[in-house]
C-alpha cells in the first residue's frame, strides 16, 4: 500500500473508526497536535544527556499512540484509562520527589533536550486546549482530558530533571 492514498486531497480524512471528517475539525486538530508532542518528545529523547530521562521519555512515547487513537476514533472505549492517568501521576510524583521546590520561573533552553521537553510541554497544553474545545461539541473521554493535563506537567518535570534545575540555579 502506498503512503499516497489521494483520499485526503480535498480537505477530508478518515478517522480510525472509518468516519470521514474535515481536516480542519477539532478532532483532527487535537490528534495532530498530539503528533507534534510526540515528535518533540522524540527530539528530546534523541538529544538527552541522561539515560534515565531518555528512558522516561520513551516510556511516555509508548502511551502516545493510544492517546492519539482515542482522538482519532468516535464512539469507542478509550484506550487511555484512569489507570493510565494514575500511572502518569505516579511518574510525576517520582520525578518531583527528586527535585527541590521551585522558587523562580525557569527560562527554557538550558540544554537542547530540555528546550525540546519544554516545547513538548507547551504543545501538550495546546493539545489540551483543542481537546477542551472538542469536548464542548462532542463526547471526549474524561480520562483523555485528565491525561492531557498531566502530560504537560510531566514534560515540565522531565525538563527540570534533564537540565538539573535545582534551587539557586
N, C-alpha and C. Protein backbone atom coordinates (compact mmCIF):
# COMPACT_ATOMS: atom_id res chain seq x y z
N UNK A 1 0.84 -1.18 0.00
CA UNK A 1 0.00 0.00 0.00
C UNK A 1 0.89 1.24 0.00
N UNK A 2 0.57 2.18 -0.82
CA UNK A 2 1.32 3.41 -0.94
C UNK A 2 0.95 4.38 0.19
N UNK A 3 1.92 5.19 0.60
CA UNK A 3 1.66 6.24 1.58
C UNK A 3 0.71 7.29 0.98
N UNK A 4 0.71 7.42 -0.33
CA UNK A 4 -0.15 8.37 -1.03
C UNK A 4 -1.46 7.69 -1.40
N UNK A 5 -2.51 8.02 -0.64
CA UNK A 5 -3.82 7.41 -0.89
C UNK A 5 -4.71 8.30 -1.76
N UNK A 6 -4.42 9.59 -1.77
CA UNK A 6 -5.18 10.60 -2.51
C UNK A 6 -6.60 10.78 -1.99
N UNK A 7 -6.93 10.14 -0.85
CA UNK A 7 -8.28 10.29 -0.29
C UNK A 7 -8.42 11.58 0.51
N UNK A 8 -7.31 12.25 0.80
CA UNK A 8 -7.37 13.48 1.58
C UNK A 8 -7.07 14.72 0.78
N UNK A 9 -7.11 14.60 -0.53
CA UNK A 9 -6.73 15.71 -1.39
C UNK A 9 -7.66 16.92 -1.30
N UNK A 10 -8.87 16.72 -0.82
CA UNK A 10 -9.85 17.81 -0.83
C UNK A 10 -10.33 18.19 0.57
N UNK A 11 -9.41 18.04 1.56
CA UNK A 11 -9.70 18.56 2.88
C UNK A 11 -10.42 17.63 3.83
N UNK A 12 -10.51 16.34 3.49
CA UNK A 12 -11.12 15.39 4.41
C UNK A 12 -10.15 14.26 4.70
N UNK A 13 -10.37 13.59 5.82
CA UNK A 13 -9.57 12.45 6.21
C UNK A 13 -10.47 11.42 6.88
N UNK A 14 -9.97 10.24 7.04
CA UNK A 14 -10.72 9.18 7.72
C UNK A 14 -10.21 9.01 9.13
N UNK A 15 -11.14 8.87 10.06
CA UNK A 15 -10.78 8.52 11.42
C UNK A 15 -10.51 7.02 11.49
N UNK A 16 -9.95 6.56 12.58
CA UNK A 16 -9.70 5.13 12.76
C UNK A 16 -10.98 4.30 12.67
N UNK A 17 -12.07 4.92 13.07
CA UNK A 17 -13.36 4.22 13.08
C UNK A 17 -14.08 4.33 11.74
N UNK A 18 -13.43 4.93 10.73
CA UNK A 18 -13.98 4.95 9.38
C UNK A 18 -14.72 6.21 8.97
N UNK A 19 -15.12 7.04 9.91
CA UNK A 19 -15.85 8.26 9.56
C UNK A 19 -14.94 9.20 8.77
N UNK A 20 -15.52 9.87 7.81
CA UNK A 20 -14.81 10.91 7.06
C UNK A 20 -15.11 12.24 7.75
N UNK A 21 -14.06 13.00 8.01
CA UNK A 21 -14.21 14.30 8.68
C UNK A 21 -13.32 15.33 7.99
N UNK A 22 -13.63 16.58 8.22
CA UNK A 22 -12.83 17.69 7.69
C UNK A 22 -11.48 17.72 8.42
N UNK A 23 -10.44 17.95 7.68
CA UNK A 23 -9.11 18.06 8.28
C UNK A 23 -9.00 19.28 9.19
N UNK A 24 -9.88 20.25 8.99
CA UNK A 24 -9.88 21.46 9.80
C UNK A 24 -10.65 21.28 11.11
N UNK A 25 -11.22 20.11 11.34
CA UNK A 25 -12.03 19.87 12.54
C UNK A 25 -11.20 19.76 13.81
N UNK A 26 -11.87 19.98 14.92
CA UNK A 26 -11.20 19.95 16.23
C UNK A 26 -10.61 18.58 16.57
N UNK A 27 -11.27 17.52 16.16
CA UNK A 27 -10.77 16.18 16.44
C UNK A 27 -9.42 15.96 15.75
N UNK A 28 -9.34 16.34 14.49
CA UNK A 28 -8.10 16.19 13.73
C UNK A 28 -7.04 17.14 14.27
N UNK A 29 -7.46 18.34 14.63
CA UNK A 29 -6.53 19.30 15.22
C UNK A 29 -5.94 18.75 16.52
N UNK A 30 -6.76 18.10 17.32
CA UNK A 30 -6.28 17.57 18.59
C UNK A 30 -5.27 16.45 18.39
N UNK A 31 -5.62 15.45 17.58
CA UNK A 31 -4.64 14.36 17.44
C UNK A 31 -3.43 14.78 16.61
N UNK A 32 -3.60 15.75 15.74
CA UNK A 32 -2.45 16.29 15.02
C UNK A 32 -1.49 17.02 15.94
N UNK A 33 -2.04 17.75 16.89
CA UNK A 33 -1.22 18.46 17.87
C UNK A 33 -0.51 17.45 18.78
N UNK A 34 -1.19 16.37 19.12
CA UNK A 34 -0.54 15.31 19.91
C UNK A 34 0.60 14.66 19.12
N UNK A 35 0.46 14.57 17.82
CA UNK A 35 1.54 14.06 16.97
C UNK A 35 2.76 14.98 17.08
N UNK A 36 2.52 16.29 17.14
CA UNK A 36 3.61 17.24 17.34
C UNK A 36 4.29 17.03 18.69
N UNK A 37 3.49 16.78 19.74
CA UNK A 37 4.05 16.50 21.06
C UNK A 37 4.98 15.29 20.98
N UNK A 38 4.51 14.24 20.33
CA UNK A 38 5.31 13.02 20.22
C UNK A 38 6.62 13.28 19.47
N UNK A 39 6.57 14.10 18.42
CA UNK A 39 7.78 14.44 17.69
C UNK A 39 8.76 15.23 18.55
N UNK A 40 8.25 16.18 19.32
CA UNK A 40 9.10 16.95 20.23
C UNK A 40 9.71 16.03 21.29
N UNK A 41 8.93 15.08 21.78
CA UNK A 41 9.46 14.12 22.74
C UNK A 41 10.57 13.27 22.11
N UNK A 42 10.37 12.89 20.85
CA UNK A 42 11.40 12.12 20.16
C UNK A 42 12.70 12.90 20.02
N UNK A 43 12.60 14.17 19.69
CA UNK A 43 13.79 15.02 19.62
C UNK A 43 14.45 15.14 20.99
N UNK A 44 13.64 15.35 22.02
CA UNK A 44 14.18 15.47 23.37
C UNK A 44 14.92 14.19 23.78
N UNK A 45 14.34 13.06 23.44
CA UNK A 45 14.98 11.78 23.77
C UNK A 45 16.28 11.62 23.00
N UNK A 46 16.29 11.98 21.72
CA UNK A 46 17.49 11.84 20.89
C UNK A 46 18.64 12.71 21.40
N UNK A 47 18.31 13.87 21.97
CA UNK A 47 19.34 14.79 22.44
C UNK A 47 19.62 14.70 23.94
N UNK A 48 18.90 13.85 24.64
CA UNK A 48 19.07 13.76 26.09
C UNK A 48 20.47 13.31 26.47
N UNK A 49 21.02 13.95 27.47
CA UNK A 49 22.32 13.58 28.00
C UNK A 49 22.20 12.59 29.15
N UNK A 50 20.98 12.26 29.51
CA UNK A 50 20.75 11.40 30.68
C UNK A 50 19.94 10.18 30.29
N UNK A 51 20.51 9.02 30.51
CA UNK A 51 19.84 7.77 30.14
C UNK A 51 18.50 7.61 30.86
N UNK A 52 18.43 8.01 32.14
CA UNK A 52 17.18 7.85 32.88
C UNK A 52 16.09 8.74 32.32
N UNK A 53 16.44 9.95 31.89
CA UNK A 53 15.45 10.85 31.31
C UNK A 53 15.02 10.32 29.94
N UNK A 54 15.98 9.86 29.14
CA UNK A 54 15.65 9.31 27.83
C UNK A 54 14.72 8.11 27.96
N UNK A 55 14.94 7.27 28.96
CA UNK A 55 14.08 6.11 29.17
C UNK A 55 12.68 6.55 29.62
N UNK A 56 12.59 7.56 30.44
CA UNK A 56 11.28 8.08 30.87
C UNK A 56 10.52 8.67 29.68
N UNK A 57 11.24 9.36 28.81
CA UNK A 57 10.60 9.92 27.62
C UNK A 57 10.07 8.79 26.73
N UNK A 58 10.88 7.76 26.53
CA UNK A 58 10.45 6.63 25.70
C UNK A 58 9.21 5.96 26.31
N UNK A 59 9.21 5.80 27.61
CA UNK A 59 8.06 5.22 28.31
C UNK A 59 6.80 6.05 28.04
N UNK A 60 6.94 7.36 28.06
CA UNK A 60 5.83 8.25 27.77
C UNK A 60 5.42 8.14 26.30
N UNK A 61 6.40 8.09 25.41
CA UNK A 61 6.08 7.99 23.98
C UNK A 61 5.31 6.72 23.66
N UNK A 62 5.53 5.68 24.41
CA UNK A 62 4.80 4.42 24.17
C UNK A 62 3.31 4.57 24.47
N UNK A 63 2.92 5.59 25.21
CA UNK A 63 1.50 5.86 25.51
C UNK A 63 0.86 6.76 24.46
N UNK A 64 1.68 7.49 23.72
CA UNK A 64 1.14 8.48 22.78
C UNK A 64 0.26 7.89 21.68
N UNK A 65 0.60 6.73 21.09
CA UNK A 65 -0.30 6.20 20.05
C UNK A 65 -1.71 5.92 20.57
N UNK A 66 -1.83 5.44 21.80
CA UNK A 66 -3.15 5.19 22.37
C UNK A 66 -3.92 6.48 22.57
N UNK A 67 -3.24 7.51 23.04
CA UNK A 67 -3.88 8.81 23.25
C UNK A 67 -4.34 9.40 21.92
N UNK A 68 -3.46 9.35 20.92
CA UNK A 68 -3.84 9.87 19.60
C UNK A 68 -4.99 9.05 19.01
N UNK A 69 -4.97 7.74 19.20
CA UNK A 69 -6.03 6.88 18.67
C UNK A 69 -7.37 7.22 19.31
N UNK A 70 -7.36 7.57 20.60
CA UNK A 70 -8.62 7.96 21.25
C UNK A 70 -9.24 9.16 20.55
N UNK A 71 -8.42 10.12 20.16
CA UNK A 71 -8.96 11.31 19.50
C UNK A 71 -9.23 11.07 18.02
N UNK A 72 -8.65 10.01 17.46
CA UNK A 72 -8.89 9.67 16.05
C UNK A 72 -10.01 8.65 15.92
N UNK A 73 -10.79 8.47 16.98
CA UNK A 73 -11.89 7.50 16.99
C UNK A 73 -13.14 8.15 17.55
N UNK A 74 -14.28 7.70 17.09
CA UNK A 74 -15.56 8.15 17.63
C UNK A 74 -16.32 6.95 18.18
N UNK A 75 -16.89 7.12 19.36
CA UNK A 75 -17.77 6.10 19.90
C UNK A 75 -17.09 4.83 20.37
N UNK A 76 -15.81 4.87 20.61
CA UNK A 76 -15.07 3.69 21.08
C UNK A 76 -14.67 3.89 22.54
N UNK A 77 -14.50 2.78 23.24
CA UNK A 77 -13.97 2.86 24.60
C UNK A 77 -12.57 3.46 24.54
N UNK A 78 -12.24 4.37 25.44
CA UNK A 78 -10.91 4.98 25.38
C UNK A 78 -9.80 3.97 25.68
N UNK A 79 -8.72 4.12 24.96
CA UNK A 79 -7.54 3.28 25.20
C UNK A 79 -6.79 3.78 26.43
N UNK A 80 -6.84 5.09 26.65
CA UNK A 80 -6.25 5.70 27.84
C UNK A 80 -7.31 5.66 28.93
N UNK A 81 -6.99 5.00 30.01
CA UNK A 81 -7.93 4.83 31.11
C UNK A 81 -7.46 5.63 32.33
N UNK A 82 -8.29 5.63 33.35
CA UNK A 82 -7.87 6.29 34.59
C UNK A 82 -6.67 5.57 35.21
N UNK A 83 -6.50 4.30 34.93
CA UNK A 83 -5.28 3.60 35.38
C UNK A 83 -4.04 4.23 34.75
N UNK A 84 -4.15 4.58 33.46
CA UNK A 84 -3.04 5.26 32.79
C UNK A 84 -2.78 6.63 33.41
N UNK A 85 -3.85 7.33 33.75
CA UNK A 85 -3.72 8.63 34.41
C UNK A 85 -2.98 8.46 35.73
N UNK A 86 -3.38 7.47 36.53
CA UNK A 86 -2.72 7.25 37.82
C UNK A 86 -1.26 6.87 37.64
N UNK A 87 -0.97 6.10 36.59
CA UNK A 87 0.42 5.74 36.31
C UNK A 87 1.23 6.99 36.00
N UNK A 88 0.68 7.88 35.17
CA UNK A 88 1.37 9.12 34.83
C UNK A 88 1.54 10.00 36.07
N UNK A 89 0.54 10.03 36.94
CA UNK A 89 0.67 10.78 38.19
C UNK A 89 1.78 10.20 39.05
N UNK A 90 1.90 8.88 39.07
CA UNK A 90 2.99 8.23 39.81
C UNK A 90 4.35 8.61 39.23
N UNK A 91 4.42 8.67 37.88
CA UNK A 91 5.67 9.08 37.24
C UNK A 91 6.02 10.52 37.64
N UNK A 92 5.00 11.39 37.67
CA UNK A 92 5.21 12.78 38.09
C UNK A 92 5.72 12.83 39.53
N UNK A 93 5.06 12.09 40.40
CA UNK A 93 5.45 12.08 41.81
C UNK A 93 6.88 11.59 41.97
N UNK A 94 7.25 10.57 41.21
CA UNK A 94 8.59 10.00 41.29
C UNK A 94 9.65 11.03 40.90
N UNK A 95 9.43 11.74 39.81
CA UNK A 95 10.40 12.76 39.37
C UNK A 95 10.39 13.93 40.34
N UNK A 96 9.20 14.36 40.72
CA UNK A 96 9.10 15.54 41.58
C UNK A 96 9.76 15.32 42.94
N UNK A 97 9.73 14.09 43.42
CA UNK A 97 10.35 13.79 44.71
C UNK A 97 11.87 13.97 44.67
N UNK A 98 12.46 13.94 43.48
CA UNK A 98 13.90 14.13 43.33
C UNK A 98 14.29 15.60 43.11
N UNK A 99 13.29 16.45 42.96
CA UNK A 99 13.56 17.85 42.66
C UNK A 99 13.18 18.73 43.85
N UNK A 100 13.94 19.79 44.09
CA UNK A 100 13.57 20.71 45.16
C UNK A 100 12.38 21.57 44.76
N UNK A 101 11.78 22.19 45.73
CA UNK A 101 10.67 23.11 45.47
C UNK A 101 11.17 24.28 44.62
N UNK A 102 10.31 24.75 43.75
CA UNK A 102 10.68 25.88 42.88
C UNK A 102 10.45 27.20 43.59
N UNK A 103 11.33 28.15 43.28
CA UNK A 103 11.18 29.48 43.86
C UNK A 103 11.27 30.59 42.81
N UNK A 104 11.39 30.21 41.54
CA UNK A 104 11.51 31.20 40.48
C UNK A 104 11.02 30.59 39.17
N UNK A 105 10.72 31.46 38.22
CA UNK A 105 10.37 31.00 36.88
C UNK A 105 11.62 30.43 36.22
N UNK A 106 11.42 29.46 35.35
CA UNK A 106 12.53 28.83 34.64
C UNK A 106 12.52 29.34 33.21
N UNK A 107 13.68 29.73 32.75
CA UNK A 107 13.83 30.16 31.36
C UNK A 107 14.26 28.93 30.56
N UNK A 108 13.45 28.52 29.58
CA UNK A 108 13.79 27.33 28.79
C UNK A 108 15.06 27.53 27.97
N UNK A 109 15.76 26.43 27.71
CA UNK A 109 16.90 26.47 26.82
C UNK A 109 18.23 26.18 27.46
N UNK A 110 18.23 25.61 28.66
CA UNK A 110 19.49 25.27 29.31
C UNK A 110 20.21 24.13 28.61
N UNK A 111 19.48 23.34 27.85
CA UNK A 111 20.06 22.26 27.07
C UNK A 111 19.14 22.01 25.87
N UNK A 112 19.67 21.33 24.86
CA UNK A 112 18.82 21.03 23.70
C UNK A 112 17.64 20.17 24.11
N UNK A 113 17.89 19.11 24.84
CA UNK A 113 16.82 18.21 25.23
C UNK A 113 15.81 18.91 26.13
N UNK A 114 16.31 19.71 27.06
CA UNK A 114 15.42 20.44 27.95
C UNK A 114 14.52 21.40 27.20
N UNK A 115 15.10 22.10 26.21
CA UNK A 115 14.30 23.02 25.40
C UNK A 115 13.23 22.26 24.62
N UNK A 116 13.57 21.07 24.14
CA UNK A 116 12.60 20.28 23.39
C UNK A 116 11.52 19.71 24.30
N UNK A 117 11.89 19.39 25.53
CA UNK A 117 10.88 18.96 26.51
C UNK A 117 9.94 20.11 26.83
N UNK A 118 10.48 21.33 26.88
CA UNK A 118 9.61 22.47 27.12
C UNK A 118 8.70 22.72 25.93
N UNK A 119 9.20 22.50 24.72
CA UNK A 119 8.36 22.58 23.54
C UNK A 119 7.25 21.52 23.60
N UNK A 120 7.60 20.31 24.02
CA UNK A 120 6.58 19.26 24.18
C UNK A 120 5.54 19.69 25.21
N UNK A 121 5.98 20.33 26.29
CA UNK A 121 5.06 20.79 27.34
C UNK A 121 4.08 21.81 26.78
N UNK A 122 4.58 22.81 26.07
CA UNK A 122 3.69 23.86 25.58
C UNK A 122 2.78 23.33 24.47
N UNK A 123 3.29 22.40 23.68
CA UNK A 123 2.46 21.80 22.63
C UNK A 123 1.38 20.92 23.25
N UNK A 124 1.71 20.23 24.35
CA UNK A 124 0.70 19.44 25.07
C UNK A 124 -0.39 20.35 25.63
N UNK A 125 -0.01 21.53 26.08
CA UNK A 125 -1.02 22.48 26.56
C UNK A 125 -1.94 22.90 25.43
N UNK A 126 -1.37 23.10 24.23
CA UNK A 126 -2.19 23.45 23.08
C UNK A 126 -3.13 22.30 22.72
N UNK A 127 -2.62 21.08 22.78
CA UNK A 127 -3.46 19.91 22.51
C UNK A 127 -4.60 19.83 23.52
N UNK A 128 -4.30 20.16 24.77
CA UNK A 128 -5.34 20.15 25.80
C UNK A 128 -6.41 21.20 25.50
N UNK A 129 -6.00 22.37 25.06
CA UNK A 129 -6.99 23.40 24.70
C UNK A 129 -7.86 22.94 23.54
N UNK A 130 -7.24 22.30 22.55
CA UNK A 130 -8.01 21.74 21.41
C UNK A 130 -9.00 20.71 21.92
N UNK A 131 -8.53 19.83 22.80
CA UNK A 131 -9.39 18.76 23.32
C UNK A 131 -10.55 19.33 24.13
N UNK A 132 -10.30 20.39 24.87
CA UNK A 132 -11.38 21.02 25.66
C UNK A 132 -12.44 21.63 24.74
N UNK A 133 -11.98 22.26 23.65
CA UNK A 133 -12.95 22.79 22.67
C UNK A 133 -13.73 21.64 22.03
N UNK A 134 -13.04 20.56 21.72
CA UNK A 134 -13.71 19.39 21.15
C UNK A 134 -14.75 18.84 22.13
N UNK A 135 -14.40 18.79 23.40
CA UNK A 135 -15.30 18.26 24.43
C UNK A 135 -16.57 19.12 24.58
N UNK A 136 -16.50 20.37 24.18
CA UNK A 136 -17.68 21.22 24.21
C UNK A 136 -18.68 20.84 23.11
N UNK A 137 -18.17 20.20 22.05
CA UNK A 137 -19.01 19.86 20.91
C UNK A 137 -19.31 18.38 20.78
N UNK A 138 -18.41 17.53 21.27
CA UNK A 138 -18.53 16.08 21.11
C UNK A 138 -18.10 15.38 22.39
N UNK A 139 -18.45 14.11 22.47
CA UNK A 139 -18.03 13.33 23.63
C UNK A 139 -16.52 13.08 23.59
N UNK A 140 -15.86 13.36 24.70
CA UNK A 140 -14.44 13.09 24.87
C UNK A 140 -14.29 12.39 26.22
N UNK A 141 -13.54 11.32 26.24
CA UNK A 141 -13.35 10.59 27.49
C UNK A 141 -12.66 11.46 28.53
N UNK A 142 -13.20 11.45 29.74
CA UNK A 142 -12.61 12.22 30.83
C UNK A 142 -11.16 11.80 31.06
N UNK A 143 -10.88 10.52 30.92
CA UNK A 143 -9.51 10.03 31.14
C UNK A 143 -8.53 10.68 30.15
N UNK A 144 -8.98 10.93 28.93
CA UNK A 144 -8.11 11.58 27.94
C UNK A 144 -7.84 13.03 28.33
N UNK A 145 -8.84 13.73 28.80
CA UNK A 145 -8.66 15.13 29.21
C UNK A 145 -7.72 15.23 30.40
N UNK A 146 -7.90 14.37 31.38
CA UNK A 146 -7.04 14.40 32.57
C UNK A 146 -5.61 14.01 32.19
N UNK A 147 -5.48 12.98 31.34
CA UNK A 147 -4.15 12.55 30.90
C UNK A 147 -3.41 13.70 30.21
N UNK A 148 -4.11 14.42 29.36
CA UNK A 148 -3.51 15.57 28.67
C UNK A 148 -3.01 16.61 29.66
N UNK A 149 -3.78 16.85 30.70
CA UNK A 149 -3.37 17.83 31.70
C UNK A 149 -2.10 17.37 32.41
N UNK A 150 -2.02 16.11 32.75
CA UNK A 150 -0.83 15.57 33.43
C UNK A 150 0.37 15.47 32.50
N UNK A 151 0.11 15.27 31.21
CA UNK A 151 1.18 15.14 30.22
C UNK A 151 2.08 16.36 30.22
N UNK A 152 1.49 17.53 30.19
CA UNK A 152 2.30 18.75 30.18
C UNK A 152 3.07 18.91 31.48
N UNK A 153 2.46 18.54 32.61
CA UNK A 153 3.16 18.59 33.89
C UNK A 153 4.39 17.69 33.87
N UNK A 154 4.23 16.50 33.33
CA UNK A 154 5.33 15.53 33.30
C UNK A 154 6.46 16.02 32.39
N UNK A 155 6.11 16.61 31.26
CA UNK A 155 7.14 17.17 30.37
C UNK A 155 7.93 18.25 31.09
N UNK A 156 7.26 19.07 31.87
CA UNK A 156 7.93 20.12 32.63
C UNK A 156 8.89 19.52 33.65
N UNK A 157 8.43 18.51 34.36
CA UNK A 157 9.29 17.87 35.36
C UNK A 157 10.49 17.19 34.70
N UNK A 158 10.27 16.57 33.57
CA UNK A 158 11.39 15.94 32.85
C UNK A 158 12.39 16.99 32.38
N UNK A 159 11.90 18.15 31.97
CA UNK A 159 12.79 19.23 31.58
C UNK A 159 13.66 19.64 32.75
N UNK A 160 13.07 19.80 33.91
CA UNK A 160 13.85 20.16 35.10
C UNK A 160 14.87 19.08 35.43
N UNK A 161 14.47 17.83 35.31
CA UNK A 161 15.38 16.72 35.59
C UNK A 161 16.52 16.69 34.57
N UNK A 162 16.21 16.89 33.31
CA UNK A 162 17.23 16.89 32.25
C UNK A 162 18.25 18.01 32.47
N UNK A 163 17.76 19.15 32.87
CA UNK A 163 18.64 20.32 32.99
C UNK A 163 19.22 20.49 34.38
N UNK A 164 18.96 19.55 35.26
CA UNK A 164 19.49 19.66 36.63
C UNK A 164 19.12 20.99 37.26
N UNK A 165 17.86 21.38 37.08
CA UNK A 165 17.43 22.67 37.64
C UNK A 165 17.02 22.45 39.08
N UNK A 166 17.86 22.96 39.94
CA UNK A 166 17.64 22.85 41.37
C UNK A 166 17.63 24.25 41.96
N UNK A 167 17.44 24.32 43.24
CA UNK A 167 17.40 25.62 43.91
C UNK A 167 18.68 26.40 43.64
N UNK A 168 18.53 27.71 43.58
CA UNK A 168 19.65 28.64 43.42
C UNK A 168 20.38 28.49 42.10
N UNK A 169 19.77 27.85 41.11
CA UNK A 169 20.41 27.76 39.78
C UNK A 169 20.04 28.99 38.97
